[in-house]
C-alpha atoms as a PDB file:
ATOM      1  CA  MET A   1       3.826   9.931 -11.877  1.00  0.00           C
ATOM      2  CA  CYS A   2       1.456   7.623  -9.792  1.00  0.00           C
ATOM      3  CA  LEU A   3       2.402   4.543  -7.551  1.00  0.00           C
ATOM      4  CA  ALA A   4       1.269   1.800  -5.837  1.00  0.00           C
ATOM      5  CA  ILE A   5       1.696   1.181  -2.663  1.00  0.00           C
ATOM      6  CA  PRO A   6       1.759  -2.024  -0.521  1.00  0.00           C
ATOM      7  CA  ALA A   7      -0.730  -0.828   2.843  1.00  0.00           C
ATOM      8  CA  GLU A   8      -2.148  -3.255   5.900  1.00  0.00           C
ATOM      9  CA  VAL A   9      -5.626  -3.416   6.176  1.00  0.00           C
ATOM     10  CA  VAL A  10      -6.690  -2.461   9.479  1.00  0.00           C
ATOM     11  CA  GLU A  11     -10.513  -1.946   9.368  1.00  0.00           C
ATOM     12  CA  LEU A  12     -12.654  -3.671   6.637  1.00  0.00           C
ATOM     13  CA  HIS A  13     -15.864  -1.781   5.688  1.00  0.00           C
ATOM     14  CA  PRO A  14     -19.301  -2.523   3.849  1.00  0.00           C
ATOM     15  CA  ASN A  15     -19.347  -2.468   0.140  1.00  0.00           C
ATOM     16  CA  ASP A  16     -16.041  -4.010  -0.417  1.00  0.00           C
ATOM     17  CA  MET A  17     -14.440  -0.835   1.487  1.00  0.00           C
ATOM     18  CA  ALA A  18     -11.171  -1.211   3.376  1.00  0.00           C
ATOM     19  CA  ARG A  19      -8.709   1.092   5.826  1.00  0.00           C
ATOM     20  CA  CYS A  20      -5.548   0.428   5.346  1.00  0.00           C
ATOM     21  CA  ARG A  21      -2.312   1.871   6.754  1.00  0.00           C
ATOM     22  CA  VAL A  22       0.592   2.631   4.801  1.00  0.00           C
ATOM     23  CA  GLY A  23       4.181   1.289   6.304  1.00  0.00           C
ATOM     24  CA  LYS A  24       4.839   2.205  10.190  1.00  0.00           C
ATOM     25  CA  SER A  25       3.636   4.575   9.335  1.00  0.00           C
ATOM     26  CA  ASP A  26       0.261   7.359  10.423  1.00  0.00           C
ATOM     27  CA  THR A  27      -0.726   7.364   7.142  1.00  0.00           C
ATOM     28  CA  TYR A  28      -4.341   5.423   6.329  1.00  0.00           C
ATOM     29  CA  VAL A  29      -6.062   5.242   3.036  1.00  0.00           C
ATOM     30  CA  ASP A  30      -9.189   4.220   2.264  1.00  0.00           C
ATOM     31  CA  VAL A  31      -9.799   1.485  -0.349  1.00  0.00           C
ATOM     32  CA  SER A  32     -11.650  -0.329  -2.959  1.00  0.00           C
ATOM     33  CA  THR A  33     -11.184  -4.035  -2.476  1.00  0.00           C
ATOM     34  CA  MET A  34     -13.760  -4.736  -5.047  1.00  0.00           C
ATOM     35  CA  LEU A  35     -10.992  -5.723  -7.752  1.00  0.00           C
ATOM     36  CA  LEU A  36      -9.428  -8.735  -5.318  1.00  0.00           C
ATOM     37  CA  GLU A  37     -10.203 -12.041  -6.746  1.00  0.00           C
ATOM     38  CA  THR A  38     -10.536 -12.824  -2.783  1.00  0.00           C
ATOM     39  CA  ALA A  39     -11.988 -11.354   0.016  1.00  0.00           C
ATOM     40  CA  ALA A  40      -9.686  -8.818   2.394  1.00  0.00           C
ATOM     41  CA  GLU A  41      -8.503  -9.675   5.734  1.00  0.00           C
ATOM     42  CA  ILE A  42      -7.382  -7.494   8.293  1.00  0.00           C
ATOM     43  CA  GLY A  43      -3.440  -7.787   8.456  1.00  0.00           C
ATOM     44  CA  ASP A  44      -3.853  -8.419   4.524  1.00  0.00           C
ATOM     45  CA  TYR A  45      -1.090  -6.429   3.103  1.00  0.00           C
ATOM     46  CA  LEU A  46      -2.538  -5.035  -0.718  1.00  0.00           C
ATOM     47  CA  ILE A  47      -0.991  -3.170  -3.438  1.00  0.00           C
ATOM     48  CA  VAL A  48      -3.188   0.046  -3.671  1.00  0.00           C
ATOM     49  CA  HIS A  49      -3.078   2.817  -6.306  1.00  0.00           C
ATOM     50  CA  ALA A  50      -5.462   5.199  -6.954  1.00  0.00           C
ATOM     51  CA  GLY A  51      -7.678   3.775  -4.465  1.00  0.00           C
ATOM     52  CA  PHE A  52      -8.166   0.566  -5.850  1.00  0.00           C
ATOM     53  CA  ALA A  53      -6.223  -2.514  -3.985  1.00  0.00           C
ATOM     54  CA  LEU A  54      -5.107  -4.377  -6.789  1.00  0.00           C
ATOM     55  CA  ARG A  55      -4.096  -8.107  -5.364  1.00  0.00           C
ATOM     56  CA  LYS A  56      -2.535  -9.076  -2.074  1.00  0.00           C
ATOM     57  CA  LEU A  57       0.781  -9.300  -0.874  1.00  0.00           C
ATOM     58  CA  ASP A  58       2.421 -11.181   1.466  1.00  0.00           C
ATOM     59  CA  PHE A  59       4.400  -9.916   4.247  1.00  0.00           C
ATOM     60  CA  GLN A  60       7.974 -10.022   3.299  1.00  0.00           C
ATOM     61  CA  GLU A  61       7.531  -8.492  -0.978  1.00  0.00           C
ATOM     62  CA  ALA A  62       5.401  -5.659   1.100  1.00  0.00           C
ATOM     63  CA  GLN A  63       8.499  -5.146   3.614  1.00  0.00           C
ATOM     64  CA  GLU A  64      11.070  -5.378   0.758  1.00  0.00           C
ATOM     65  CA  THR A  65       8.970  -2.838  -1.334  1.00  0.00           C
ATOM     66  CA  LEU A  66       8.359  -0.283   1.463  1.00  0.00           C
ATOM     67  CA  ARG A  67      12.055  -0.950   1.941  1.00  0.00           C
ATOM     68  CA  LEU A  68      12.321  -0.001  -1.828  1.00  0.00           C
ATOM     69  CA  LEU A  69      10.366   2.681  -1.478  1.00  0.00           C
ATOM     70  CA  ARG A  70      12.139   4.237   1.209  1.00  0.00           C
ATOM     71  CA  GLN A  71      15.344   3.996  -0.469  1.00  0.00           C
ATOM     72  CA  MET A  72      14.084   5.823  -3.612  1.00  0.00           C
ATOM     73  CA  ALA A  73      12.693   8.358  -1.121  1.00  0.00           C
ATOM     74  CA  ASN A  74      16.247   8.770   0.354  1.00  0.00           C
ATOM     75  CA  ILE A  75      18.311   9.219  -3.109  1.00  0.00           C
ATOM     76  CA  ASN A  76      15.692  11.588  -4.340  1.00  0.00           C
ATOM     77  CA  GLU A  77      16.001  14.118  -1.084  1.00  0.00           C
ATOM     78  CA  ASP A  78      19.883  13.862  -0.963  1.00  0.00           C
ATOM     79  CA  SER A  79      20.102  14.416  -5.396  1.00  0.00           C
ATOM     80  CA  PRO A  80      17.250  17.204  -5.564  1.00  0.00           C
ATOM     81  CA  GLY A  81      16.991  17.358  -9.214  1.00  0.00           C
ATOM     82  CA  ALA A  82      18.421  13.811 -10.212  1.00  0.00           C
ATOM     83  CA  PHE A  83      14.744  12.169 -11.383  1.00  0.00           C
END
């Protein structure tokens, strides 16, 4: 199963590429921003799937999505084999 995740743009690179931080972790992903309708800026939150930014998110939407993903991960840890 593949999952799209929110990530914050921390660096912009040439050729429509950006380095993004996932949540408050030390996990970073390099993503293509070529599919976005408007250019990404440092501090933007993006929904990222398979190395591509699909769209921008506002801060609240990104935080709520991350909260739900953490909650799902905790449920999975508490109930192995439940999914």
